[in-house]
Amino acid sequence: MSKYSPQFKLKVVKDYLKSGGQRRLAHLYEINTSDIRKWTLSYQSNGLSSLKKRVYQHYTPEFKKSVIQYVKAH
């Protein structure tokens, strides 16, 4: 689970883009300046979807085994 919600990240990014000052915002929101920088760069390059939680696919052991067998055969 993500420590910060996508809404919070977007608020911080928009505040940063509007007024700047990573240190001030980091102190205000009690977060690291590196988080602000990372979220801002991600938002600028990939948009809002980059701030959302990622959903990872889970595969069963049987499926993984079948993929390995397929790769070995082909």
PDB file of N, CA and C in Angstrom:
ATOM      1  N   MET A   1       0.835  -1.175   0.000  1.00  0.00           N
ATOM      2  CA  MET A   1       0.000   0.000   0.000  1.00  0.00           C
ATOM      3  C   MET A   1       0.880   1.239   0.000  1.00  0.00           C
ATOM      4  N   SER A   2       0.483   2.215  -0.760  1.00  0.00           N
ATOM      5  CA  SER A   2       1.236   3.446  -0.888  1.00  0.00           C
ATOM      6  C   SER A   2       1.105   4.289   0.381  1.00  0.00           C
ATOM      7  N   LYS A   3       2.179   4.942   0.739  1.00  0.00           N
ATOM      8  CA  LYS A   3       2.166   5.771   1.930  1.00  0.00           C
ATOM      9  C   LYS A   3       1.336   7.038   1.728  1.00  0.00           C
ATOM     10  N   TYR A   4       1.324   7.540   0.490  1.00  0.00           N
ATOM     11  CA  TYR A   4       0.603   8.763   0.181  1.00  0.00           C
ATOM     12  C   TYR A   4      -0.446   8.493  -0.895  1.00  0.00           C
ATOM     13  N   SER A   5      -1.591   9.119  -0.769  1.00  0.00           N
ATOM     14  CA  SER A   5      -2.670   8.931  -1.744  1.00  0.00           C
ATOM     15  C   SER A   5      -2.345   9.692  -3.026  1.00  0.00           C
ATOM     16  N   PRO A   6      -2.917   9.251  -4.155  1.00  0.00           N
ATOM     17  CA  PRO A   6      -2.712   9.979  -5.408  1.00  0.00           C
ATOM     18  C   PRO A   6      -3.204  11.430  -5.319  1.00  0.00           C
ATOM     19  N   GLN A   7      -4.273  11.677  -4.555  1.00  0.00           N
ATOM     20  CA  GLN A   7      -4.789  13.041  -4.407  1.00  0.00           C
ATOM     21  C   GLN A   7      -3.776  13.934  -3.689  1.00  0.00           C
ATOM     22  N   PHE A   8      -3.145  13.378  -2.650  1.00  0.00           N
ATOM     23  CA  PHE A   8      -2.136  14.131  -1.909  1.00  0.00           C
ATOM     24  C   PHE A   8      -0.938  14.443  -2.805  1.00  0.00           C
ATOM     25  N   LYS A   9      -0.482  13.438  -3.551  1.00  0.00           N
ATOM     26  CA  LYS A   9       0.658  13.638  -4.447  1.00  0.00           C
ATOM     27  C   LYS A   9       0.350  14.724  -5.471  1.00  0.00           C
ATOM     28  N   LEU A  10      -0.850  14.688  -6.046  1.00  0.00           N
ATOM     29  CA  LEU A  10      -1.237  15.685  -7.041  1.00  0.00           C
ATOM     30  C   LEU A  10      -1.285  17.081  -6.428  1.00  0.00           C
ATOM     31  N   LYS A  11      -1.794  17.189  -5.214  1.00  0.00           N
ATOM     32  CA  LYS A  11      -1.841  18.485  -4.525  1.00  0.00           C
ATOM     33  C   LYS A  11      -0.431  19.043  -4.335  1.00  0.00           C
ATOM     34  N   VAL A  12       0.480  18.194  -3.891  1.00  0.00           N
ATOM     35  CA  VAL A  12       1.864  18.628  -3.676  1.00  0.00           C
ATOM     36  C   VAL A  12       2.496  19.048  -4.994  1.00  0.00           C
ATOM     37  N   VAL A  13       2.300  18.250  -6.048  1.00  0.00           N
ATOM     38  CA  VAL A  13       2.876  18.570  -7.350  1.00  0.00           C
ATOM     39  C   VAL A  13       2.328  19.900  -7.872  1.00  0.00           C
ATOM     40  N   LYS A  14       1.033  20.094  -7.785  1.00  0.00           N
ATOM     41  CA  LYS A  14       0.439  21.348  -8.277  1.00  0.00           C
ATOM     42  C   LYS A  14       0.924  22.544  -7.465  1.00  0.00           C
ATOM     43  N   ASP A  15       1.052  22.365  -6.141  1.00  0.00           N
ATOM     44  CA  ASP A  15       1.593  23.448  -5.307  1.00  0.00           C
ATOM     45  C   ASP A  15       3.023  23.773  -5.724  1.00  0.00           C
ATOM     46  N   TYR A  16       3.808  22.740  -5.995  1.00  0.00           N
ATOM     47  CA  TYR A  16       5.196  22.955  -6.394  1.00  0.00           C
ATOM     48  C   TYR A  16       5.270  23.667  -7.744  1.00  0.00           C
ATOM     49  N   LEU A  17       4.468  23.211  -8.709  1.00  0.00           N
ATOM     50  CA  LEU A  17       4.496  23.833 -10.032  1.00  0.00           C
ATOM     51  C   LEU A  17       3.984  25.275  -9.992  1.00  0.00           C
ATOM     52  N   LYS A  18       3.087  25.557  -9.075  1.00  0.00           N
ATOM     53  CA  LYS A  18       2.528  26.904  -8.956  1.00  0.00           C
ATOM     54  C   LYS A  18       3.503  27.862  -8.279  1.00  0.00           C
ATOM     55  N   SER A  19       4.094  27.396  -7.159  1.00  0.00           N
ATOM     56  CA  SER A  19       4.884  28.329  -6.364  1.00  0.00           C
ATOM     57  C   SER A  19       6.352  27.960  -6.205  1.00  0.00           C
ATOM     58  N   GLY A  20       6.716  26.718  -6.536  1.00  0.00           N
ATOM     59  CA  GLY A  20       8.099  26.293  -6.366  1.00  0.00           C
ATOM     60  C   GLY A  20       8.447  26.104  -4.902  1.00  0.00           C
ATOM     61  N   GLY A  21       9.704  25.946  -4.625  1.00  0.00           N
ATOM     62  CA  GLY A  21      10.180  25.816  -3.259  1.00  0.00           C
ATOM     63  C   GLY A  21       9.998  24.439  -2.661  1.00  0.00           C
ATOM     64  N   GLN A  22      10.844  23.503  -3.074  1.00  0.00           N
ATOM     65  CA  GLN A  22      10.756  22.140  -2.558  1.00  0.00           C
ATOM     66  C   GLN A  22      10.932  22.087  -1.041  1.00  0.00           C
ATOM     67  N   ARG A  23      11.864  22.842  -0.535  1.00  0.00           N
ATOM     68  CA  ARG A  23      12.120  22.805   0.919  1.00  0.00           C
ATOM     69  C   ARG A  23      10.922  23.308   1.713  1.00  0.00           C
ATOM     70  N   ARG A  24      10.324  24.385   1.227  1.00  0.00           N
ATOM     71  CA  ARG A  24       9.159  24.938   1.918  1.00  0.00           C
ATOM     72  C   ARG A  24       8.015  23.939   1.920  1.00  0.00           C
ATOM     73  N   LEU A  25       7.747  23.341   0.768  1.00  0.00           N
ATOM     74  CA  LEU A  25       6.664  22.359   0.680  1.00  0.00           C
ATOM     75  C   LEU A  25       6.980  21.097   1.483  1.00  0.00           C
ATOM     76  N   ALA A  26       8.224  20.682   1.466  1.00  0.00           N
ATOM     77  CA  ALA A  26       8.617  19.499   2.234  1.00  0.00           C
ATOM     78  C   ALA A  26       8.375  19.741   3.720  1.00  0.00           C
ATOM     79  N   HIS A  27       8.709  20.924   4.169  1.00  0.00           N
ATOM     80  CA  HIS A  27       8.476  21.266   5.573  1.00  0.00           C
ATOM     81  C   HIS A  27       6.980  21.381   5.860  1.00  0.00           C
ATOM     82  N   LEU A  28       6.243  22.007   4.967  1.00  0.00           N
ATOM     83  CA  LEU A  28       4.808  22.207   5.137  1.00  0.00           C
ATOM     84  C   LEU A  28       4.053  20.876   5.217  1.00  0.00           C
ATOM     85  N   TYR A  29       4.376  19.948   4.306  1.00  0.00           N
ATOM     86  CA  TYR A  29       3.670  18.666   4.245  1.00  0.00           C
ATOM     87  C   TYR A  29       4.373  17.534   4.996  1.00  0.00           C
ATOM     88  N   GLU A  30       5.550  17.859   5.548  1.00  0.00           N
ATOM     89  CA  GLU A  30       6.349  16.884   6.296  1.00  0.00           C
ATOM     90  C   GLU A  30       6.692  15.658   5.451  1.00  0.00           C
ATOM     91  N   ILE A  31       7.262  15.949   4.278  1.00  0.00           N
ATOM     92  CA  ILE A  31       7.720  14.907   3.366  1.00  0.00           C
ATOM     93  C   ILE A  31       9.123  15.255   2.893  1.00  0.00           C
ATOM     94  N   ASN A  32       9.759  14.337   2.180  1.00  0.00           N
ATOM     95  CA  ASN A  32      11.111  14.558   1.664  1.00  0.00           C
ATOM     96  C   ASN A  32      11.078  15.368   0.375  1.00  0.00           C
ATOM     97  N   THR A  33      12.103  16.181   0.171  1.00  0.00           N
ATOM     98  CA  THR A  33      12.201  16.938  -1.078  1.00  0.00           C
ATOM     99  C   THR A  33      12.356  15.981  -2.257  1.00  0.00           C
ATOM    100  N   SER A  34      12.984  14.833  -2.027  1.00  0.00           N
ATOM    101  CA  SER A  34      13.161  13.872  -3.114  1.00  0.00           C
ATOM    102  C   SER A  34      11.816  13.325  -3.592  1.00  0.00           C
ATOM    103  N   ASP A  35      10.849  13.181  -2.680  1.00  0.00           N
ATOM    104  CA  ASP A  35       9.511  12.736  -3.076  1.00  0.00           C
ATOM    105  C   ASP A  35       8.855  13.779  -3.977  1.00  0.00           C
ATOM    106  N   ILE A  36       8.986  15.036  -3.624  1.00  0.00           N
ATOM    107  CA  ILE A  36       8.408  16.119  -4.427  1.00  0.00           C
ATOM    108  C   ILE A  36       9.019  16.112  -5.820  1.00  0.00           C
ATOM    109  N   ARG A  37      10.323  15.997  -5.879  1.00  0.00           N
ATOM    110  CA  ARG A  37      11.022  15.991  -7.166  1.00  0.00           C
ATOM    111  C   ARG A  37      10.593  14.782  -8.004  1.00  0.00           C
ATOM    112  N   LYS A  38      10.541  13.607  -7.375  1.00  0.00           N
ATOM    113  CA  LYS A  38      10.170  12.377  -8.083  1.00  0.00           C
ATOM    114  C   LYS A  38       8.740  12.459  -8.611  1.00  0.00           C
ATOM    115  N   TRP A  39       7.802  12.899  -7.771  1.00  0.00           N
ATOM    116  CA  TRP A  39       6.401  13.003  -8.180  1.00  0.00           C
ATOM    117  C   TRP A  39       6.231  14.030  -9.292  1.00  0.00           C
ATOM    118  N   THR A  40       6.936  15.148  -9.190  1.00  0.00           N
ATOM    119  CA  THR A  40       6.812  16.203 -10.200  1.00  0.00           C
ATOM    120  C   THR A  40       7.336  15.738 -11.552  1.00  0.00           C
ATOM    121  N   LEU A  41       8.502  15.123 -11.563  1.00  0.00           N
ATOM    122  CA  LEU A  41       9.063  14.634 -12.825  1.00  0.00           C
ATOM    123  C   LEU A  41       8.169  13.557 -13.437  1.00  0.00           C
ATOM    124  N   SER A  42       7.656  12.688 -12.603  1.00  0.00           N
ATOM    125  CA  SER A  42       6.771  11.631 -13.073  1.00  0.00           C
ATOM    126  C   SER A  42       5.489  12.218 -13.651  1.00  0.00           C
ATOM    127  N   TYR A  43       4.923  13.193 -12.969  1.00  0.00           N
ATOM    128  CA  TYR A  43       3.693  13.851 -13.432  1.00  0.00           C
ATOM    129  C   TYR A  43       3.925  14.581 -14.749  1.00  0.00           C
ATOM    130  N   GLN A  44       5.047  15.259 -14.862  1.00  0.00           N
ATOM    131  CA  GLN A  44       5.334  16.011 -16.079  1.00  0.00           C
ATOM    132  C   GLN A  44       5.573  15.101 -17.281  1.00  0.00           C
ATOM    133  N   SER A  45       6.171  13.952 -17.055  1.00  0.00           N
ATOM    134  CA  SER A  45       6.475  13.079 -18.187  1.00  0.00           C
ATOM    135  C   SER A  45       5.353  12.110 -18.523  1.00  0.00           C
ATOM    136  N   ASN A  46       4.573  11.675 -17.520  1.00  0.00           N
ATOM    137  CA  ASN A  46       3.565  10.641 -17.760  1.00  0.00           C
ATOM    138  C   ASN A  46       2.152  11.021 -17.365  1.00  0.00           C
ATOM    139  N   GLY A  47       1.958  12.190 -16.818  1.00  0.00           N
ATOM    140  CA  GLY A  47       0.616  12.640 -16.466  1.00  0.00           C
ATOM    141  C   GLY A  47       0.102  12.102 -15.147  1.00  0.00           C
ATOM    142  N   LEU A  48      -1.184  12.285 -14.935  1.00  0.00           N
ATOM    143  CA  LEU A  48      -1.830  11.930 -13.679  1.00  0.00           C
ATOM    144  C   LEU A  48      -1.737  10.440 -13.350  1.00  0.00           C
ATOM    145  N   SER A  49      -1.783   9.600 -14.356  1.00  0.00           N
ATOM    146  CA  SER A  49      -1.770   8.157 -14.106  1.00  0.00           C
ATOM    147  C   SER A  49      -0.496   7.699 -13.399  1.00  0.00           C
ATOM    148  N   SER A  50       0.589   8.452 -13.534  1.00  0.00           N
ATOM    149  CA  SER A  50       1.839   8.064 -12.885  1.00  0.00           C
ATOM    150  C   SER A  50       1.801   8.245 -11.372  1.00  0.00           C
ATOM    151  N   LEU A  51       0.835   9.016 -10.868  1.00  0.00           N
ATOM    152  CA  LEU A  51       0.733   9.242  -9.428  1.00  0.00           C
ATOM    153  C   LEU A  51      -0.208   8.247  -8.750  1.00  0.00           C
ATOM    154  N   LYS A  52      -0.911   7.458  -9.547  1.00  0.00           N
ATOM    155  CA  LYS A  52      -1.878   6.512  -8.987  1.00  0.00           C
ATOM    156  C   LYS A  52      -1.191   5.235  -8.539  1.00  0.00           C
ATOM    157  N   LYS A  53      -1.896   4.509  -7.674  1.00  0.00           N
ATOM    158  CA  LYS A  53      -1.373   3.232  -7.208  1.00  0.00           C
ATOM    159  C   LYS A  53      -1.263   2.267  -8.367  1.00  0.00           C
ATOM    160  N   ARG A  54      -0.241   1.460  -8.332  1.00  0.00           N
ATOM    161  CA  ARG A  54      -0.065   0.447  -9.355  1.00  0.00           C
ATOM    162  C   ARG A  54      -0.690  -0.853  -8.877  1.00  0.00           C
ATOM    163  N   VAL A  55      -1.358  -1.502  -9.799  1.00  0.00           N
ATOM    164  CA  VAL A  55      -1.955  -2.798  -9.492  1.00  0.00           C
ATOM    165  C   VAL A  55      -1.104  -3.854 -10.179  1.00  0.00           C
ATOM    166  N   TYR A  56      -0.524  -4.713  -9.377  1.00  0.00           N
ATOM    167  CA  TYR A  56       0.340  -5.740  -9.909  1.00  0.00           C
ATOM    168  C   TYR A  56      -0.438  -7.023 -10.140  1.00  0.00           C
ATOM    169  N   GLN A  57      -0.096  -7.696 -11.223  1.00  0.00           N
ATOM    170  CA  GLN A  57      -0.744  -8.951 -11.562  1.00  0.00           C
ATOM    171  C   GLN A  57      -0.118 -10.068 -10.739  1.00  0.00           C
ATOM    172  N   HIS A  58      -0.954 -10.928 -10.210  1.00  0.00           N
ATOM    173  CA  HIS A  58      -0.473 -12.089  -9.465  1.00  0.00           C
ATOM    174  C   HIS A  58      -0.750 -13.332 -10.290  1.00  0.00           C
ATOM    175  N   TYR A  59       0.264 -14.177 -10.440  1.00  0.00           N
ATOM    176  CA  TYR A  59       0.135 -15.396 -11.223  1.00  0.00           C
ATOM    177  C   TYR A  59       0.241 -16.608 -10.306  1.00  0.00           C
ATOM    178  N   THR A  60      -0.529 -17.606 -10.625  1.00  0.00           N
ATOM    179  CA  THR A  60      -0.495 -18.836  -9.830  1.00  0.00           C
ATOM    180  C   THR A  60       0.788 -19.593 -10.134  1.00  0.00           C
ATOM    181  N   PRO A  61       1.223 -20.427  -9.206  1.00  0.00           N
ATOM    182  CA  PRO A  61       2.416 -21.252  -9.463  1.00  0.00           C
ATOM    183  C   PRO A  61       2.240 -22.155 -10.697  1.00  0.00           C
ATOM    184  N   GLU A  62       1.033 -22.641 -10.929  1.00  0.00           N
ATOM    185  CA  GLU A  62       0.783 -23.495 -12.091  1.00  0.00           C
ATOM    186  C   GLU A  62       1.000 -22.727 -13.397  1.00  0.00           C
ATOM    187  N   PHE A  63       0.527 -21.495 -13.436  1.00  0.00           N
ATOM    188  CA  PHE A  63       0.707 -20.686 -14.634  1.00  0.00           C
ATOM    189  C   PHE A  63       2.190 -20.414 -14.874  1.00  0.00           C
ATOM    190  N   LYS A  64       2.910 -20.078 -13.826  1.00  0.00           N
ATOM    191  CA  LYS A  64       4.343 -19.807 -13.956  1.00  0.00           C
ATOM    192  C   LYS A  64       5.080 -21.034 -14.491  1.00  0.00           C
ATOM    193  N   LYS A  65       4.704 -22.190 -13.980  1.00  0.00           N
ATOM    194  CA  LYS A  65       5.330 -23.434 -14.417  1.00  0.00           C
ATOM    195  C   LYS A  65       5.042 -23.691 -15.895  1.00  0.00           C
ATOM    196  N   SER A  66       3.814 -23.430 -16.314  1.00  0.00           N
ATOM    197  CA  SER A  66       3.466 -23.651 -17.717  1.00  0.00           C
ATOM    198  C   SER A  66       4.218 -22.689 -18.628  1.00  0.00           C
ATOM    199  N   VAL A  67       4.460 -21.464 -18.206  1.00  0.00           N
ATOM    200  CA  VAL A  67       5.221 -20.503 -18.992  1.00  0.00           C
ATOM    201  C   VAL A  67       6.669 -20.971 -19.134  1.00  0.00           C
ATOM    202  N   ILE A  68       7.246 -21.439 -18.057  1.00  0.00           N
ATOM    203  CA  ILE A  68       8.622 -21.934 -18.096  1.00  0.00           C
ATOM    204  C   ILE A  68       8.743 -23.126 -19.041  1.00  0.00           C
ATOM    205  N   GLN A  69       7.777 -24.041 -18.968  1.00  0.00           N
ATOM    206  CA  GLN A  69       7.790 -25.204 -19.858  1.00  0.00           C
ATOM    207  C   GLN A  69       7.656 -24.767 -21.323  1.00  0.00           C
ATOM    208  N   TYR A  70       6.813 -23.784 -21.575  1.00  0.00           N
ATOM    209  CA  TYR A  70       6.632 -23.291 -22.933  1.00  0.00           C
ATOM    210  C   TYR A  70       7.930 -22.676 -23.468  1.00  0.00           C
ATOM    211  N   VAL A  71       8.576 -21.878 -22.623  1.00  0.00           N
ATOM    212  CA  VAL A  71       9.824 -21.223 -23.050  1.00  0.00           C
ATOM    213  C   VAL A  71      10.888 -22.269 -23.340  1.00  0.00           C
ATOM    214  N   LYS A  72      10.991 -23.294 -22.504  1.00  0.00           N
ATOM    215  CA  LYS A  72      11.980 -24.351 -22.719  1.00  0.00           C
ATOM    216  C   LYS A  72      11.688 -25.104 -24.025  1.00  0.00           C
ATOM    217  N   ALA A  73      10.420 -25.327 -24.318  1.00  0.00           N
ATOM    218  CA  ALA A  73      10.041 -26.082 -25.509  1.00  0.00           C
ATOM    219  C   ALA A  73      10.218 -25.266 -26.799  1.00  0.00           C
ATOM    220  N   HIS A  74      10.082 -23.983 -26.708  1.00  0.00           N
ATOM    221  CA  HIS A  74      10.155 -23.160 -27.905  1.00  0.00           C
ATOM    222  C   HIS A  74      11.338 -22.233 -27.842  1.00  0.00           C
TER     223      HIS A  74
END
